[in-house]
Amino acid sequence: MTSAVFWLVAAHLHTSADVGRASGLFTSVLFVCFVTGMGLPVTLSRFSGEGGRESASLLSWSLVVVGVVSSLAAMLYLALVDSPATAVLAERGWLLALVFALITMGSALTLLVDVRLMAARRWRWALARVASVGLCQLMLLAVSHRLGRPTSPSSWPPWAPSPSPASSA
């Protein structure tokens, strides 16, 4: 539900070109998560429901492997794929590429956590995690709208108030 609200609000706050590029980046994150998941969500759903030491060890190692592989694959993806969405990150520098890698890693890890929660029949925890991420997305959307997009070096940092027309004369 929060994802639908997120995209509806984003469509009203930003241009269709920006929403399209954001959609492309989101699809890129999902693609990298799928490729780097290595079938571990299925393995976790099958073998982690009983609990115990082996289940905890499987989850721990899965989180480590998928975390490292997904972040590295995200950086490789940005280096190899040339699209309007990835070009936005390339124009803005390495910091946004790092943010993309962290978001990709976080998405891959939350998939594993969600599968573990569902296998353990912890539905309330899974729902609370999904709802909290949705609320964070909406807050980030508000922040991104407030900050805007810097267009020149004089508008840096992006959180600095823009000069009023009267003061620039």
Foldseek 3Di string as FASTA:
>chain_A
DLVVVLLVVLPVLDPPVVSVLVVVLVVVLVVLLVVLLVCLLVVLLPPQLVPDDVSVVSLVVSLVSSLVSSLVVLLVCLVPDDDPNSVVVVVVDDVVSNVSSVVSSVVSSVSNVLSNCVSNVVVVVNVVVVVVVSVVSNVVSVVCSQLDDDDDPVCPPSNDDDDDPVVVD
